[in-house]
């Protein structure tokens, strides 16, 4: 019986991922989850009490996996600069994933502070790795620099989202996801100097 419940819960989470990817926040409803999984709508409520509970479960399952992907990319690099580049590129790659974008957007609206704190804790491990790499590069304030680095990543994510929303690169600009990532990495590693 417990195994069956775990399988049903996993199926509901898989369905939630698909709904978020295909239709964004508005698509994640209990009737849609019921249709996707073949469960009665009332059965969905046996697993999750609210849409926020579904999102929290997705975050608990997916965020550590995403963090592990970025961590593995960082650990595969031999240099501190390489680890920082892997951190930036890894986050930008995840941000480009529609499922990740939807979960992040909906989690900002629907999760309580305790759930948000668990997500911040998972992200904190990555920040620790970046801080260590920054120390190796000789930064005297590595935690502050890590926070500023995160600002570069977030600005690059927003810029990529604006390009995606526009549907095409504005005339005269040769920007795409790879160029945005390259610019973010260059800014992270070289600042405003040409590097």
C-alpha atoms as a PDB file:
ATOM      1  CA  UNK A   1       0.000   0.000   0.000  1.00  0.00           C
ATOM      2  CA  UNK A   2       2.799   2.449   0.885  1.00  0.00           C
ATOM      3  CA  UNK A   3       4.570   1.700  -2.381  1.00  0.00           C
ATOM      4  CA  UNK A   4       1.348   2.349  -4.323  1.00  0.00           C
ATOM      5  CA  UNK A   5       0.941   5.729  -2.589  1.00  0.00           C
ATOM      6  CA  UNK A   6       4.531   6.645  -3.416  1.00  0.00           C
ATOM      7  CA  UNK A   7       3.972   5.756  -7.062  1.00  0.00           C
ATOM      8  CA  UNK A   8       0.755   7.791  -7.195  1.00  0.00           C
ATOM      9  CA  UNK A   9       2.446  10.762  -5.529  1.00  0.00           C
ATOM     10  CA  UNK A  10       5.344  10.537  -8.004  1.00  0.00           C
ATOM     11  CA  UNK A  11       2.842  10.387 -10.888  1.00  0.00           C
ATOM     12  CA  UNK A  12       1.121  13.499  -9.577  1.00  0.00           C
ATOM     13  CA  UNK A  13       4.442  15.338  -9.354  1.00  0.00           C
ATOM     14  CA  UNK A  14       5.357  14.244 -12.889  1.00  0.00           C
ATOM     15  CA  UNK A  15       1.981  15.503 -14.094  1.00  0.00           C
ATOM     16  CA  UNK A  16       2.523  18.793 -12.258  1.00  0.00           C
ATOM     17  CA  UNK A  17       5.896  19.237 -14.004  1.00  0.00           C
ATOM     18  CA  UNK A  18       4.291  18.670 -17.407  1.00  0.00           C
ATOM     19  CA  UNK A  19       1.431  21.063 -16.663  1.00  0.00           C
ATOM     20  CA  UNK A  20       3.829  23.775 -15.499  1.00  0.00           C
ATOM     21  CA  UNK A  21       6.037  23.299 -18.538  1.00  0.00           C
ATOM     22  CA  UNK A  22       3.155  23.365 -20.994  1.00  0.00           C
ATOM     23  CA  UNK A  23       0.944  26.030 -19.471  1.00  0.00           C
ATOM     24  CA  UNK A  24       2.671  27.783 -16.607  1.00  0.00           C
ATOM     25  CA  UNK A  25       1.137  28.545 -13.256  1.00  0.00           C
ATOM     26  CA  UNK A  26      -2.430  28.734 -14.517  1.00  0.00           C
ATOM     27  CA  UNK A  27      -2.264  25.163 -15.825  1.00  0.00           C
ATOM     28  CA  UNK A  28      -1.464  23.627 -12.440  1.00  0.00           C
ATOM     29  CA  UNK A  29      -4.922  22.806 -11.093  1.00  0.00           C
ATOM     30  CA  UNK A  30      -6.284  19.799  -9.250  1.00  0.00           C
ATOM     31  CA  UNK A  31      -8.747  18.947 -12.035  1.00  0.00           C
ATOM     32  CA  UNK A  32      -5.859  18.992 -14.539  1.00  0.00           C
ATOM     33  CA  UNK A  33      -3.743  16.807 -12.247  1.00  0.00           C
ATOM     34  CA  UNK A  34      -6.645  14.361 -11.958  1.00  0.00           C
ATOM     35  CA  UNK A  35      -7.052  14.173 -15.740  1.00  0.00           C
ATOM     36  CA  UNK A  36      -3.294  13.711 -16.319  1.00  0.00           C
ATOM     37  CA  UNK A  37      -3.009  10.895 -13.787  1.00  0.00           C
ATOM     38  CA  UNK A  38      -6.379   9.219 -14.229  1.00  0.00           C
ATOM     39  CA  UNK A  39      -7.236   9.808 -10.580  1.00  0.00           C
ATOM     40  CA  UNK A  40     -10.472  11.180  -9.258  1.00  0.00           C
ATOM     41  CA  UNK A  41     -10.160  14.833  -8.292  1.00  0.00           C
ATOM     42  CA  UNK A  42     -10.941  13.934  -4.685  1.00  0.00           C
ATOM     43  CA  UNK A  43      -8.046  11.477  -4.741  1.00  0.00           C
ATOM     44  CA  UNK A  44      -5.627  14.269  -5.613  1.00  0.00           C
ATOM     45  CA  UNK A  45      -6.605  15.948  -2.333  1.00  0.00           C
ATOM     46  CA  UNK A  46      -5.546  12.790  -0.474  1.00  0.00           C
ATOM     47  CA  UNK A  47      -1.972  13.473  -1.576  1.00  0.00           C
ATOM     48  CA  UNK A  48      -1.868  17.279  -1.542  1.00  0.00           C
ATOM     49  CA  UNK A  49      -4.043  19.705   0.389  1.00  0.00           C
ATOM     50  CA  UNK A  50      -3.406  22.640  -1.955  1.00  0.00           C
ATOM     51  CA  UNK A  51      -1.586  23.789  -5.062  1.00  0.00           C
ATOM     52  CA  UNK A  52       1.068  25.270  -2.757  1.00  0.00           C
ATOM     53  CA  UNK A  53       1.615  21.787  -1.283  1.00  0.00           C
ATOM     54  CA  UNK A  54       2.209  20.423  -4.791  1.00  0.00           C
ATOM     55  CA  UNK A  55       4.704  23.195  -5.498  1.00  0.00           C
ATOM     56  CA  UNK A  56       6.446  22.638  -2.168  1.00  0.00           C
ATOM     57  CA  UNK A  57       6.782  18.918  -2.950  1.00  0.00           C
ATOM     58  CA  UNK A  58       8.196  19.749  -6.390  1.00  0.00           C
ATOM     59  CA  UNK A  59      10.708  22.113  -4.806  1.00  0.00           C
ATOM     60  CA  UNK A  60      11.713  19.548  -2.184  1.00  0.00           C
ATOM     61  CA  UNK A  61      12.343  16.950  -4.879  1.00  0.00           C
ATOM     62  CA  UNK A  62      13.661  19.046  -7.773  1.00  0.00           C
ATOM     63  CA  UNK A  63      15.716  21.825  -6.190  1.00  0.00           C
ATOM     64  CA  UNK A  64      18.240  19.465  -4.575  1.00  0.00           C
ATOM     65  CA  UNK A  65      18.607  17.637  -7.899  1.00  0.00           C
ATOM     66  CA  UNK A  66      19.163  20.908  -9.735  1.00  0.00           C
ATOM     67  CA  UNK A  67      21.659  22.032  -7.091  1.00  0.00           C
ATOM     68  CA  UNK A  68      23.441  18.681  -7.416  1.00  0.00           C
ATOM     69  CA  UNK A  69      23.737  19.197 -11.195  1.00  0.00           C
ATOM     70  CA  UNK A  70      25.376  22.574 -10.697  1.00  0.00           C
ATOM     71  CA  UNK A  71      27.596  21.210  -7.921  1.00  0.00           C
ATOM     72  CA  UNK A  72      28.727  18.307 -10.127  1.00  0.00           C
ATOM     73  CA  UNK A  73      29.563  20.754 -12.916  1.00  0.00           C
ATOM     74  CA  UNK A  74      31.588  22.864 -10.517  1.00  0.00           C
ATOM     75  CA  UNK A  75      33.418  19.890  -9.029  1.00  0.00           C
ATOM     76  CA  UNK A  76      34.438  18.690 -12.480  1.00  0.00           C
ATOM     77  CA  UNK A  77      36.524  21.843 -12.984  1.00  0.00           C
ATOM     78  CA  UNK A  78      40.204  22.027 -12.091  1.00  0.00           C
ATOM     79  CA  UNK A  79      40.407  25.765 -11.483  1.00  0.00           C
ATOM     80  CA  UNK A  80      38.564  28.268  -9.313  1.00  0.00           C
ATOM     81  CA  UNK A  81      37.684  30.321 -12.394  1.00  0.00           C
ATOM     82  CA  UNK A  82      36.342  27.180 -14.055  1.00  0.00           C
ATOM     83  CA  UNK A  83      34.139  26.448 -11.029  1.00  0.00           C
ATOM     84  CA  UNK A  84      32.729  29.972 -11.110  1.00  0.00           C
ATOM     85  CA  UNK A  85      32.032  29.651 -14.825  1.00  0.00           C
ATOM     86  CA  UNK A  86      30.302  26.302 -14.234  1.00  0.00           C
ATOM     87  CA  UNK A  87      28.197  27.900 -11.483  1.00  0.00           C
ATOM     88  CA  UNK A  88      27.061  30.732 -13.753  1.00  0.00           C
ATOM     89  CA  UNK A  89      26.429  28.542 -16.797  1.00  0.00           C
ATOM     90  CA  UNK A  90      24.695  25.867 -14.725  1.00  0.00           C
ATOM     91  CA  UNK A  91      22.239  28.327 -13.236  1.00  0.00           C
ATOM     92  CA  UNK A  92      21.531  29.919 -16.597  1.00  0.00           C
ATOM     93  CA  UNK A  93      20.920  26.526 -18.177  1.00  0.00           C
ATOM     94  CA  UNK A  94      18.430  25.669 -15.445  1.00  0.00           C
ATOM     95  CA  UNK A  95      16.742  29.046 -15.749  1.00  0.00           C
ATOM     96  CA  UNK A  96      16.182  28.378 -19.449  1.00  0.00           C
ATOM     97  CA  UNK A  97      14.311  25.159 -18.631  1.00  0.00           C
ATOM     98  CA  UNK A  98      10.567  26.014 -18.759  1.00  0.00           C
ATOM     99  CA  UNK A  99       9.816  23.595 -15.926  1.00  0.00           C
ATOM    100  CA  UNK A 100      12.379  25.266 -13.658  1.00  0.00           C
ATOM    101  CA  UNK A 101      11.091  28.748 -14.533  1.00  0.00           C
ATOM    102  CA  UNK A 102       7.519  27.745 -13.738  1.00  0.00           C
ATOM    103  CA  UNK A 103       8.398  26.126 -10.417  1.00  0.00           C
ATOM    104  CA  UNK A 104      10.456  29.157  -9.375  1.00  0.00           C
ATOM    105  CA  UNK A 105       7.706  31.583 -10.372  1.00  0.00           C
ATOM    106  CA  UNK A 106       4.945  29.726  -8.624  1.00  0.00           C
ATOM    107  CA  UNK A 107       7.055  29.000  -5.538  1.00  0.00           C
ATOM    108  CA  UNK A 108       7.611  32.739  -5.076  1.00  0.00           C
ATOM    109  CA  UNK A 109       3.856  33.207  -4.870  1.00  0.00           C
ATOM    110  CA  UNK A 110       2.623  30.139  -3.057  1.00  0.00           C
ATOM    111  CA  UNK A 111       5.227  28.852  -0.628  1.00  0.00           C
ATOM    112  CA  UNK A 112       5.322  29.762   3.020  1.00  0.00           C
ATOM    113  CA  UNK A 113       8.450  31.134   4.648  1.00  0.00           C
ATOM    114  CA  UNK A 114       9.532  27.750   6.062  1.00  0.00           C
ATOM    115  CA  UNK A 115       9.477  26.195   2.585  1.00  0.00           C
ATOM    116  CA  UNK A 116      11.375  29.144   1.140  1.00  0.00           C
ATOM    117  CA  UNK A 117      13.975  28.774   3.882  1.00  0.00           C
ATOM    118  CA  UNK A 118      14.547  25.115   2.929  1.00  0.00           C
ATOM    119  CA  UNK A 119      15.123  26.189  -0.667  1.00  0.00           C
ATOM    120  CA  UNK A 120      17.558  28.902   0.452  1.00  0.00           C
ATOM    121  CA  UNK A 121      19.427  26.294   2.499  1.00  0.00           C
ATOM    122  CA  UNK A 122      19.820  24.056  -0.562  1.00  0.00           C
ATOM    123  CA  UNK A 123      21.107  27.036  -2.532  1.00  0.00           C
ATOM    124  CA  UNK A 124      23.423  27.956   0.347  1.00  0.00           C
ATOM    125  CA  UNK A 125      25.604  24.930  -0.297  1.00  0.00           C
ATOM    126  CA  UNK A 126      26.275  26.185  -3.818  1.00  0.00           C
ATOM    127  CA  UNK A 127      27.087  29.640  -2.498  1.00  0.00           C
ATOM    128  CA  UNK A 128      29.605  27.988  -0.182  1.00  0.00           C
ATOM    129  CA  UNK A 129      31.325  26.389  -3.155  1.00  0.00           C
ATOM    130  CA  UNK A 130      31.419  29.720  -4.987  1.00  0.00           C
ATOM    131  CA  UNK A 131      32.751  31.454  -1.888  1.00  0.00           C
ATOM    132  CA  UNK A 132      35.547  28.897  -1.697  1.00  0.00           C
ATOM    133  CA  UNK A 133      36.420  29.452  -5.369  1.00  0.00           C
ATOM    134  CA  UNK A 134      36.432  33.220  -4.822  1.00  0.00           C
ATOM    135  CA  UNK A 135      38.780  32.799  -1.858  1.00  0.00           C
ATOM    136  CA  UNK A 136      41.107  30.796  -4.107  1.00  0.00           C
ATOM    137  CA  UNK A 137      41.055  33.681  -6.591  1.00  0.00           C
ATOM    138  CA  UNK A 138      42.151  36.052  -3.825  1.00  0.00           C
ATOM    139  CA  UNK A 139      38.939  37.953  -3.115  1.00  0.00           C
ATOM    140  CA  UNK A 140      39.124  39.616   0.286  1.00  0.00           C
ATOM    141  CA  UNK A 141      35.345  39.610   0.726  1.00  0.00           C
ATOM    142  CA  UNK A 142      34.275  36.318  -0.870  1.00  0.00           C
ATOM    143  CA  UNK A 143      30.782  36.176   0.667  1.00  0.00           C
ATOM    144  CA  UNK A 144      29.959  39.684  -0.524  1.00  0.00           C
ATOM    145  CA  UNK A 145      31.436  38.897  -3.923  1.00  0.00           C
ATOM    146  CA  UNK A 146      29.344  35.700  -4.085  1.00  0.00           C
ATOM    147  CA  UNK A 147      26.205  37.747  -3.413  1.00  0.00           C
ATOM    148  CA  UNK A 148      27.159  40.180  -6.175  1.00  0.00           C
ATOM    149  CA  UNK A 149      27.912  37.265  -8.498  1.00  0.00           C
ATOM    150  CA  UNK A 150      24.403  35.976  -7.858  1.00  0.00           C
ATOM    151  CA  UNK A 151      23.143  39.398  -8.926  1.00  0.00           C
ATOM    152  CA  UNK A 152      24.936  38.960 -12.268  1.00  0.00           C
ATOM    153  CA  UNK A 153      23.290  35.561 -12.697  1.00  0.00           C
ATOM    154  CA  UNK A 154      19.838  36.948 -11.850  1.00  0.00           C
ATOM    155  CA  UNK A 155      20.292  39.864 -14.269  1.00  0.00           C
ATOM    156  CA  UNK A 156      21.326  37.428 -17.009  1.00  0.00           C
ATOM    157  CA  UNK A 157      18.261  35.288 -16.271  1.00  0.00           C
ATOM    158  CA  UNK A 158      15.952  38.317 -16.518  1.00  0.00           C
ATOM    159  CA  UNK A 159      17.600  39.410 -19.775  1.00  0.00           C
ATOM    160  CA  UNK A 160      17.179  35.910 -21.216  1.00  0.00           C
ATOM    161  CA  UNK A 161      13.518  35.907 -20.177  1.00  0.00           C
ATOM    162  CA  UNK A 162      12.983  39.271 -21.863  1.00  0.00           C
ATOM    163  CA  UNK A 163      14.534  37.948 -25.066  1.00  0.00           C
ATOM    164  CA  UNK A 164      12.357  34.843 -24.888  1.00  0.00           C
ATOM    165  CA  UNK A 165       9.231  36.917 -24.255  1.00  0.00           C
ATOM    166  CA  UNK A 166      10.029  39.118 -27.248  1.00  0.00           C
ATOM    167  CA  UNK A 167      10.081  35.967 -29.370  1.00  0.00           C
ATOM    168  CA  UNK A 168      13.067  37.161 -31.374  1.00  0.00           C
ATOM    169  CA  UNK A 169      16.277  39.023 -30.871  1.00  0.00           C
ATOM    170  CA  UNK A 170      15.797  42.747 -31.528  1.00  0.00           C
ATOM    171  CA  UNK A 171      17.211  43.934 -34.854  1.00  0.00           C
ATOM    172  CA  UNK A 172      20.909  44.684 -34.731  1.00  0.00           C
ATOM    173  CA  UNK A 173      21.627  42.527 -31.698  1.00  0.00           C
ATOM    174  CA  UNK A 174      23.347  39.178 -31.909  1.00  0.00           C
ATOM    175  CA  UNK A 175      22.056  37.900 -28.589  1.00  0.00           C
ATOM    176  CA  UNK A 176      20.847  34.482 -27.757  1.00  0.00           C
ATOM    177  CA  UNK A 177      21.133  32.251 -24.703  1.00  0.00           C
ATOM    178  CA  UNK A 178      24.776  31.408 -25.412  1.00  0.00           C
ATOM    179  CA  UNK A 179      25.755  35.053 -25.837  1.00  0.00           C
ATOM    180  CA  UNK A 180      23.958  35.999 -22.612  1.00  0.00           C
ATOM    181  CA  UNK A 181      25.787  33.197 -20.773  1.00  0.00           C
ATOM    182  CA  UNK A 182      29.129  34.243 -22.290  1.00  0.00           C
ATOM    183  CA  UNK A 183      28.580  37.854 -21.216  1.00  0.00           C
ATOM    184  CA  UNK A 184      27.567  36.817 -17.689  1.00  0.00           C
ATOM    185  CA  UNK A 185      30.666  34.631 -17.348  1.00  0.00           C
ATOM    186  CA  UNK A 186      32.890  37.420 -18.677  1.00  0.00           C
ATOM    187  CA  UNK A 187      31.359  39.879 -16.214  1.00  0.00           C
ATOM    188  CA  UNK A 188      31.778  37.411 -13.350  1.00  0.00           C
ATOM    189  CA  UNK A 189      35.400  36.640 -14.138  1.00  0.00           C
ATOM    190  CA  UNK A 190      36.659  39.941 -15.558  1.00  0.00           C
ATOM    191  CA  UNK A 191      34.274  42.676 -14.437  1.00  0.00           C
ATOM    192  CA  UNK A 192      34.036  45.560 -16.831  1.00  0.00           C
ATOM    193  CA  UNK A 193      37.523  45.105 -18.228  1.00  0.00           C
ATOM    194  CA  UNK A 194      37.806  43.327 -21.554  1.00  0.00           C
ATOM    195  CA  UNK A 195      38.794  39.788 -20.651  1.00  0.00           C
END
